[in-house]
Protein backbone atom coordinates (compact mmCIF):
# COMPACT_ATOMS: atom_id res chain seq x y z
CA UNK A 1 25.51 15.38 -5.13
CA UNK A 2 26.65 18.75 -3.85
CA UNK A 3 25.97 21.04 -0.95
CA UNK A 4 26.25 24.81 -0.72
CA UNK A 5 27.67 25.74 2.69
CA UNK A 6 25.86 28.50 4.49
CA UNK A 7 27.93 31.59 5.15
CA UNK A 8 27.98 33.13 8.61
CA UNK A 9 25.70 36.12 9.06
CA UNK A 10 27.41 39.44 8.25
CA UNK A 11 25.40 41.03 11.07
CA UNK A 12 27.04 39.09 13.93
CA UNK A 13 29.93 41.41 14.64
CA UNK A 14 32.06 42.72 17.52
CA UNK A 15 30.97 45.97 19.17
CA UNK A 16 33.89 47.83 17.62
CA UNK A 17 32.70 46.93 14.12
CA UNK A 18 29.20 48.16 14.95
CA UNK A 19 30.64 51.43 16.24
CA UNK A 20 32.47 52.02 12.96
CA UNK A 21 29.42 50.90 10.97
CA UNK A 22 27.26 53.42 12.85
CA UNK A 23 29.74 56.15 12.04
CA UNK A 24 29.60 55.00 8.39
CA UNK A 25 25.82 55.42 8.43
CA UNK A 26 26.15 59.02 9.62
CA UNK A 27 28.95 59.72 7.16
CA UNK A 28 26.95 58.43 4.21
CA UNK A 29 23.94 60.42 5.37
CA UNK A 30 25.95 63.45 4.31
CA UNK A 31 25.68 62.39 0.65
CA UNK A 32 21.91 62.75 0.36
CA UNK A 33 21.31 65.02 3.32
CA UNK A 34 21.47 68.23 1.30
CA UNK A 35 19.27 67.02 -1.59
CA UNK A 36 15.94 68.15 -0.09
CA UNK A 37 17.30 71.63 0.67
CA UNK A 38 18.97 72.34 -2.70
CA UNK A 39 16.04 74.36 -4.11
CA UNK A 40 15.63 76.17 -0.77
CA UNK A 41 19.33 77.09 -0.74
CA UNK A 42 19.02 78.34 -4.30
CA UNK A 43 16.08 80.62 -3.53
CA UNK A 44 17.00 81.82 -0.03
CA UNK A 45 20.69 82.45 -0.77
CA UNK A 46 19.99 83.82 -4.28
CA UNK A 47 22.20 81.28 -6.03
CA UNK A 48 21.83 79.45 -9.34
CA UNK A 49 21.51 75.64 -9.39
CA UNK A 50 25.05 75.34 -10.73
CA UNK A 51 26.34 77.47 -7.83
CA UNK A 52 24.44 75.38 -5.29
CA UNK A 53 25.75 72.20 -6.94
CA UNK A 54 29.22 73.26 -5.85
CA UNK A 55 28.23 71.84 -2.45
CA UNK A 56 28.67 68.43 -4.06
CA UNK A 57 31.69 69.44 -6.13
CA UNK A 58 33.78 70.88 -3.28
CA UNK A 59 32.83 67.99 -1.00
CA UNK A 60 33.57 65.18 -3.46
CA UNK A 61 36.59 66.63 -5.27
CA UNK A 62 38.34 67.31 -1.96
CA UNK A 63 37.33 63.81 -0.84
CA UNK A 64 38.90 62.42 -4.04
CA UNK A 65 42.21 64.26 -3.68
CA UNK A 66 42.40 63.59 0.06
CA UNK A 67 42.02 59.86 -0.65
CA UNK A 68 45.63 59.97 -1.81
CA UNK A 69 46.86 60.88 1.68
CA UNK A 70 44.67 58.60 3.80
CA UNK A 71 47.12 55.68 3.69
CA UNK A 72 50.04 57.99 4.39
CA UNK A 73 48.30 59.31 7.51
CA UNK A 74 46.89 55.99 8.70
CA UNK A 75 50.21 54.17 8.44
CA UNK A 76 51.79 56.77 10.73
CA UNK A 77 49.16 57.32 13.42
CA UNK A 78 47.13 54.10 13.19
CA UNK A 79 43.64 53.37 11.92
CA UNK A 80 41.76 54.38 15.07
CA UNK A 81 43.39 57.80 15.32
CA UNK A 82 42.74 58.36 11.62
CA UNK A 83 39.05 57.51 12.14
CA UNK A 84 38.86 59.86 15.10
CA UNK A 85 40.59 62.65 13.17
CA UNK A 86 38.22 62.26 10.23
CA UNK A 87 35.15 62.28 12.46
CA UNK A 88 36.37 65.34 14.36
CA UNK A 89 36.94 67.26 11.12
CA UNK A 90 33.42 66.41 9.94
CA UNK A 91 31.90 67.54 13.25
CA UNK A 92 33.63 70.92 13.02
CA UNK A 93 33.05 71.68 9.34
CA UNK A 94 29.44 70.51 9.20
CA UNK A 95 28.70 72.84 12.11
CA UNK A 96 30.53 75.68 10.37
CA UNK A 97 28.52 75.05 7.19
CA UNK A 98 25.31 75.35 9.21
CA UNK A 99 26.49 78.61 10.74
CA UNK A 100 27.49 80.11 7.39
CA UNK A 101 25.38 82.82 5.76
CA UNK A 102 26.47 82.55 2.13
CA UNK A 103 26.63 79.89 -0.55
CA UNK A 104 30.37 80.50 -0.89
CA UNK A 105 30.90 79.85 2.79
CA UNK A 106 28.89 76.64 2.71
CA UNK A 107 30.82 75.43 -0.35
CA UNK A 108 34.11 76.14 1.41
CA UNK A 109 33.12 74.39 4.62
CA UNK A 110 31.81 71.42 2.61
CA UNK A 111 35.34 71.13 1.22
CA UNK A 112 36.69 70.78 4.76
CA UNK A 113 33.93 68.26 5.41
CA UNK A 114 35.21 66.33 2.39
CA UNK A 115 38.69 66.13 3.91
CA UNK A 116 37.31 64.51 7.06
CA UNK A 117 35.12 62.28 4.92
CA UNK A 118 38.13 60.95 3.01
CA UNK A 119 40.08 60.18 6.19
CA UNK A 120 37.07 58.37 7.57
CA UNK A 121 35.76 56.48 4.52
CA UNK A 122 38.99 54.86 3.38
CA UNK A 123 40.00 53.89 6.92
CA UNK A 124 36.56 52.69 8.01
CA UNK A 125 36.34 50.21 5.13
CA UNK A 126 39.78 48.83 5.97
CA UNK A 127 38.87 48.57 9.69
CA UNK A 128 35.58 46.79 9.00
CA UNK A 129 37.20 44.36 6.54
CA UNK A 130 40.02 43.68 9.00
CA UNK A 131 37.88 43.32 12.14
CA UNK A 132 34.56 41.85 10.97
CA UNK A 133 33.72 38.21 11.49
CA UNK A 134 32.41 36.19 8.57
CA UNK A 135 35.10 37.02 6.05
CA UNK A 136 35.58 39.55 3.32
CA UNK A 137 32.21 39.21 1.59
CA UNK A 138 30.33 39.58 4.88
CA UNK A 139 32.34 42.69 5.75
CA UNK A 140 31.56 44.28 2.39
CA UNK A 141 27.85 43.52 2.81
CA UNK A 142 27.93 45.14 6.27
CA UNK A 143 29.72 48.18 4.83
CA UNK A 144 27.23 48.47 1.97
CA UNK A 145 24.37 48.08 4.46
CA UNK A 146 25.73 51.08 6.37
CA UNK A 147 26.01 52.96 3.09
CA UNK A 148 22.45 52.08 2.12
CA UNK A 149 20.96 52.97 5.51
CA UNK A 150 22.87 56.26 5.56
CA UNK A 151 21.77 57.16 2.05
CA UNK A 152 18.17 56.24 2.90
CA UNK A 153 17.99 58.11 6.20
CA UNK A 154 19.99 61.15 5.03
CA UNK A 155 17.30 62.64 2.75
CA UNK A 156 14.57 61.90 5.29
CA UNK A 157 16.46 63.70 8.05
CA UNK A 158 17.46 66.44 5.63
CA UNK A 159 13.84 66.94 4.61
CA UNK A 160 12.55 67.07 8.17
CA UNK A 161 15.27 69.34 9.54
CA UNK A 162 15.39 71.38 6.34
CA UNK A 163 11.65 71.97 6.61
CA UNK A 164 12.37 73.85 9.84
CA UNK A 165 15.41 75.72 8.52
CA UNK A 166 17.97 75.01 5.82
CA UNK A 167 20.70 75.10 8.49
CA UNK A 168 19.14 72.16 10.35
CA UNK A 169 20.65 69.31 8.27
CA UNK A 170 24.18 70.61 8.74
CA UNK A 171 23.83 70.95 12.50
CA UNK A 172 22.11 67.55 12.62
CA UNK A 173 25.11 65.85 11.00
CA UNK A 174 27.46 67.61 13.39
CA UNK A 175 25.57 66.28 16.43
CA UNK A 176 25.28 62.74 15.07
CA UNK A 177 28.93 62.64 14.06
CA UNK A 178 29.87 63.76 17.56
CA UNK A 179 27.96 60.73 18.89
CA UNK A 180 29.78 58.49 16.39
CA UNK A 181 33.08 60.02 17.49
CA UNK A 182 32.40 59.15 21.13
CA UNK A 183 31.35 55.60 20.20
CA UNK A 184 34.56 55.13 18.21
CA UNK A 185 36.71 56.43 21.06
CA UNK A 186 35.04 54.09 23.56
CA UNK A 187 34.46 50.90 21.57
CA UNK A 188 37.24 50.68 18.99
CA UNK A 189 40.49 49.33 20.39
CA UNK A 190 43.72 51.21 19.65
CA UNK A 191 45.29 49.87 16.48
CA UNK A 192 49.05 49.49 16.06
CA UNK A 193 50.72 51.43 13.30
CA UNK A 194 51.62 49.23 10.32
CA UNK A 195 55.15 47.93 9.99
CA UNK A 196 55.47 49.61 6.59
CA UNK A 197 54.72 53.30 6.24
CA UNK A 198 52.68 54.06 3.15
CA UNK A 199 53.91 56.56 0.60
CA UNK A 200 51.84 59.40 -0.82
CA UNK A 201 52.45 57.87 -4.23
CA UNK A 202 51.16 54.37 -3.35
CA UNK A 203 47.56 54.96 -4.60
CA UNK A 204 48.82 56.49 -7.86
CA UNK A 205 51.26 53.61 -8.34
CA UNK A 206 48.41 51.17 -7.71
CA UNK A 207 46.58 52.62 -10.71
CA UNK A 208 49.31 51.13 -12.90
CA UNK A 209 47.47 47.83 -12.44
CA UNK A 210 45.12 47.62 -15.35
CA UNK A 211 42.29 46.03 -13.38
CA UNK A 212 42.18 48.76 -10.75
CA UNK A 213 42.46 51.53 -13.35
CA UNK A 214 39.68 49.96 -15.41
CA UNK A 215 37.37 49.72 -12.40
CA UNK A 216 38.22 53.28 -11.39
CA UNK A 217 37.47 54.74 -14.83
CA UNK A 218 34.23 52.78 -15.02
CA UNK A 219 33.28 54.15 -11.59
CA UNK A 220 34.14 57.70 -12.66
CA UNK A 221 31.67 57.42 -15.55
CA UNK A 222 29.09 55.64 -13.42
CA UNK A 223 29.38 58.27 -10.69
CA UNK A 224 28.85 60.96 -13.31
CA UNK A 225 25.42 59.48 -13.96
CA UNK A 226 24.80 58.79 -10.26
CA UNK A 227 25.51 62.34 -9.08
CA UNK A 228 23.75 63.91 -12.04
CA UNK A 229 20.61 62.22 -10.76
CA UNK A 230 21.37 62.99 -7.13
CA UNK A 231 22.53 66.57 -7.58
CA UNK A 232 20.24 67.94 -10.30
CA UNK A 233 16.97 65.99 -10.34
CA UNK A 234 15.53 67.89 -7.31
CA UNK A 235 15.14 71.03 -9.44
CA UNK A 236 12.79 69.78 -12.18
CA UNK A 237 10.68 67.91 -9.59
CA UNK A 238 9.56 71.27 -8.15
CA UNK A 239 8.63 69.73 -4.79
CA UNK A 240 8.81 71.08 -1.26
CA UNK A 241 11.59 70.21 1.16
CA UNK A 242 9.60 67.51 2.96
CA UNK A 243 8.38 65.91 -0.30
CA UNK A 244 11.92 65.83 -1.73
CA UNK A 245 13.06 64.14 1.45
CA UNK A 246 10.46 61.41 1.01
CA UNK A 247 11.39 60.86 -2.66
CA UNK A 248 15.07 60.45 -1.92
CA UNK A 249 14.33 58.30 1.10
CA UNK A 250 12.52 55.91 -1.25
CA UNK A 251 15.55 56.05 -3.51
CA UNK A 252 17.87 55.32 -0.58
CA UNK A 253 15.74 52.41 0.64
CA UNK A 254 16.17 50.76 -2.75
CA UNK A 255 19.92 51.39 -2.55
CA UNK A 256 20.02 49.56 0.79
CA UNK A 257 17.80 46.63 -0.28
CA UNK A 258 19.58 46.01 -3.56
CA UNK A 259 23.04 46.44 -1.99
CA UNK A 260 22.45 43.82 0.69
CA UNK A 261 19.97 41.34 -0.73
CA UNK A 262 19.92 41.55 -4.53
CA UNK A 263 23.53 42.27 -5.52
CA UNK A 264 25.06 39.10 -3.98
CA UNK A 265 22.39 36.91 -5.61
CA UNK A 266 22.78 38.63 -8.96
CA UNK A 267 26.54 38.20 -8.87
CA UNK A 268 26.20 34.54 -7.87
CA UNK A 269 23.82 33.93 -10.77
CA UNK A 270 25.47 35.95 -13.56
CA UNK A 271 29.04 36.51 -12.41
CA UNK A 272 30.71 39.87 -11.82
CA UNK A 273 31.10 40.91 -15.46
CA UNK A 274 27.62 40.08 -16.77
CA UNK A 275 25.93 41.41 -13.63
CA UNK A 276 27.71 44.76 -14.03
CA UNK A 277 27.06 44.93 -17.78
CA UNK A 278 23.35 44.36 -17.26
CA UNK A 279 23.12 46.75 -14.33
CA UNK A 280 24.98 49.59 -16.06
CA UNK A 281 22.88 49.22 -19.21
CA UNK A 282 19.66 49.41 -17.18
CA UNK A 283 20.96 52.37 -15.18
CA UNK A 284 21.80 54.27 -18.38
CA UNK A 285 18.30 53.51 -19.68
CA UNK A 286 16.78 54.80 -16.44
CA UNK A 287 18.72 58.08 -16.67
CA UNK A 288 17.63 58.41 -20.30
CA UNK A 289 14.00 58.04 -19.17
CA UNK A 290 14.58 60.82 -16.62
CA UNK A 291 15.93 63.02 -19.42
CA UNK A 292 13.09 62.26 -21.83
CA UNK A 293 10.28 62.67 -19.30
CA UNK A 294 11.68 65.45 -17.10
CA UNK A 295 8.46 67.43 -17.58
CA UNK A 296 6.36 64.54 -16.21
CA UNK A 297 6.67 64.76 -12.44
CA UNK A 298 5.26 61.26 -11.84
CA UNK A 299 7.63 59.61 -14.31
CA UNK A 300 10.55 61.65 -13.02
CA UNK A 301 9.93 60.69 -9.39
CA UNK A 302 9.45 57.00 -10.25
CA UNK A 303 12.62 56.88 -12.35
CA UNK A 304 14.70 58.64 -9.67
CA UNK A 305 13.52 56.21 -6.99
CA UNK A 306 14.18 53.25 -9.32
CA UNK A 307 17.74 54.50 -9.86
CA UNK A 308 18.45 53.44 -6.27
CA UNK A 309 18.14 49.79 -7.29
CA UNK A 310 20.87 50.06 -9.92
CA UNK A 311 23.11 52.13 -7.65
CA UNK A 312 22.78 49.56 -4.86
CA UNK A 313 23.76 46.67 -7.12
CA UNK A 314 26.69 48.54 -8.62
CA UNK A 315 28.05 49.69 -5.25
CA UNK A 316 28.25 46.23 -3.73
CA UNK A 317 29.61 44.34 -6.73
CA UNK A 318 32.22 46.94 -7.68
CA UNK A 319 33.44 47.40 -4.09
CA UNK A 320 34.13 43.67 -3.80
CA UNK A 321 35.74 43.53 -7.24
CA UNK A 322 38.02 46.51 -6.55
CA UNK A 323 39.37 44.84 -3.42
CA UNK A 324 40.44 41.74 -5.35
CA UNK A 325 41.22 42.99 -8.85
CA UNK A 326 44.70 44.37 -8.08
CA UNK A 327 47.62 42.80 -6.14
CA UNK A 328 47.93 45.68 -3.65
CA UNK A 329 46.86 46.23 -0.05
CA UNK A 330 43.11 46.76 0.27
CA UNK A 331 43.53 50.15 1.91
CA UNK A 332 45.66 51.27 -1.04
CA UNK A 333 43.17 49.86 -3.54
CA UNK A 334 40.31 51.64 -1.75
CA UNK A 335 42.18 54.96 -1.77
CA UNK A 336 43.14 54.70 -5.45
CA UNK A 337 39.64 53.69 -6.49
CA UNK A 338 38.06 56.42 -4.36
CA UNK A 339 40.36 59.06 -5.87
CA UNK A 340 39.25 58.28 -9.43
CA UNK A 341 35.54 57.69 -8.84
CA UNK A 342 34.90 60.73 -6.64
CA UNK A 343 36.31 62.98 -9.36
CA UNK A 344 33.35 62.00 -11.55
CA UNK A 345 30.88 62.43 -8.70
CA UNK A 346 32.26 65.87 -7.86
CA UNK A 347 32.24 67.33 -11.37
CA UNK A 348 28.88 65.95 -12.53
CA UNK A 349 26.46 68.13 -10.46
CA UNK A 350 28.20 71.36 -11.47
CA UNK A 351 28.35 70.28 -15.11
CA UNK A 352 24.64 69.37 -14.94
CA UNK A 353 23.75 72.86 -13.76
CA UNK A 354 25.82 74.51 -16.46
CA UNK A 355 24.39 72.24 -19.19
CA UNK A 356 20.84 73.08 -18.09
CA UNK A 357 21.63 76.80 -18.13
CA UNK A 358 23.14 76.69 -21.63
CA UNK A 359 20.81 74.12 -23.23
CA UNK A 360 17.76 72.82 -21.39
CA UNK A 361 16.73 70.74 -18.39
CA UNK A 362 16.95 67.48 -20.37
CA UNK A 363 20.58 67.77 -21.47
CA UNK A 364 22.27 66.93 -18.11
CA UNK A 365 20.51 63.56 -18.02
CA UNK A 366 21.32 62.75 -21.65
CA UNK A 367 24.98 63.37 -20.88
CA UNK A 368 24.69 61.31 -17.69
CA UNK A 369 23.22 58.35 -19.60
CA UNK A 370 26.01 58.51 -22.19
CA UNK A 371 28.63 58.67 -19.42
CA UNK A 372 27.31 55.45 -17.87
CA UNK A 373 27.40 53.71 -21.27
CA UNK A 374 31.00 54.87 -21.71
CA UNK A 375 31.72 53.30 -18.32
CA UNK A 376 30.19 50.04 -19.54
CA UNK A 377 32.44 50.11 -22.61
CA UNK A 378 35.51 50.76 -20.44
CA UNK A 379 34.56 47.89 -18.14
CA UNK A 380 34.23 45.48 -21.06
CA UNK A 381 37.93 45.95 -21.87
CA UNK A 382 38.77 44.25 -18.56
CA UNK A 383 36.48 41.22 -18.87
CA UNK A 384 39.21 38.67 -18.12
CA UNK A 385 40.36 40.67 -15.09
CA UNK A 386 36.85 40.53 -13.65
CA UNK A 387 36.91 36.76 -14.06
CA UNK A 388 40.18 36.67 -12.09
CA UNK A 389 38.60 38.80 -9.34
CA UNK A 390 35.64 36.43 -9.19
CA UNK A 391 37.91 33.42 -8.70
CA UNK A 392 39.82 35.27 -5.98
CA UNK A 393 36.57 36.06 -4.14
CA UNK A 394 35.45 32.42 -4.38
CA UNK A 395 38.77 31.24 -2.95
CA UNK A 396 38.54 33.69 -0.04
CA UNK A 397 34.93 32.76 0.66
CA UNK A 398 35.97 29.11 0.93
CA UNK A 399 38.42 30.01 3.69
CA UNK A 400 35.57 31.45 5.78
CA UNK A 401 33.17 28.54 5.36
CA UNK A 402 32.19 27.21 8.81
CA UNK A 403 34.22 24.12 9.75
CA UNK A 404 31.18 21.91 10.27
CA UNK A 405 29.88 22.76 6.81
CA UNK A 406 33.24 21.97 5.25
CA UNK A 407 33.29 18.59 7.01
CA UNK A 408 29.74 17.88 5.90
CA UNK A 409 30.58 18.81 2.34
CA UNK A 410 33.68 16.55 2.36
CA UNK A 411 31.61 13.66 3.73
CA UNK A 412 28.98 14.11 1.04
CA UNK A 413 31.64 14.35 -1.67
CA UNK A 414 33.25 11.17 -0.35
CA UNK A 415 29.88 9.42 -0.29
CA UNK A 416 29.20 10.51 -3.84
CA UNK A 417 32.61 9.21 -4.91
CA UNK A 418 31.94 5.84 -3.20
CA UNK A 419 28.57 5.54 -4.89
CA UNK A 420 30.11 6.40 -8.24
CA UNK A 421 32.86 3.81 -7.80
CA UNK A 422 30.36 1.12 -6.78
CA UNK A 423 28.22 1.72 -9.83
């Protein structure tokens, strides 16, 4: 006889956690916000797809490099001030991007946006994990919910505002981030500075741990496929701004659903390693379908929306694994992992545009599918480390089991033992 204790709901949280989660939603909206306006930017600003894709490259590469300094900054001014600084930077640079009149200006201001994004993302995850009720797993689910909602709403808002003017999405993010900034100032309590000041080299030193490096390299390859789909697929669809917004909203809805509801069940059923192997293989197959049937608009749209399911599963499972796979502070692990994975996300859209210009529209997706398979191969070299991470997560989850459920489980185990002894 056995009983599975019910975990507390990840959605019963203090107001401060909800304030940070709301800011996370707005921050993650910035990922898909520009998708519906990519073709419009290309035509109205007389830029090639590869030039427009630099909006992703500048944003994500700067985010990656800036991840190395987030711990250094946070350990000196505290988590709340780091959050506020990141939000303020995003407010300013998203507004400047909207006011810009050239693709070069937008790319440059997106780079500044990426700096604020790095300060915010790494710190927000640490704040949510440290402040949320319900334990580590519940905090990660809440974080991934914010990511999913932001990714889902971003393209919808981008499509609606972009249908009015391509500047609209940038100004929209600036206004929403200003609201998130005020909520953070009011609801999040001041946080003391850590006793130990982090070094600029801490994230790079953390990558000496094989588990964290393996997860980071896998994520680099996975993000290559992810941002190939996100950054280049709008062009062959040949849809209007509103229609692109609806397509990527459907994609984002699947990201949210599979992050929150499917990924935990899949991990519980298959384990971390097998769940990731299966998911990465299916994601690579989906990207291959996009490459093979790029000329079929219906197939292309369906495959792009379906990609959200695989991205949602991968995001949740890998985020939890990264936090437990290396014996370093979670903020350091998050920064190190973010540094490696965002490099792949930043380079992929530009490479996709260049590949399409030199070969054909199918080639970027073929390369993206191969990149994801390479990530799967890299991940398989750390199979035993994933098993260790799974045991660590199970041990931590046990610490956050409600007391009454633990008592009930002990009583049932004792009863089972008595029955076994009597027989």
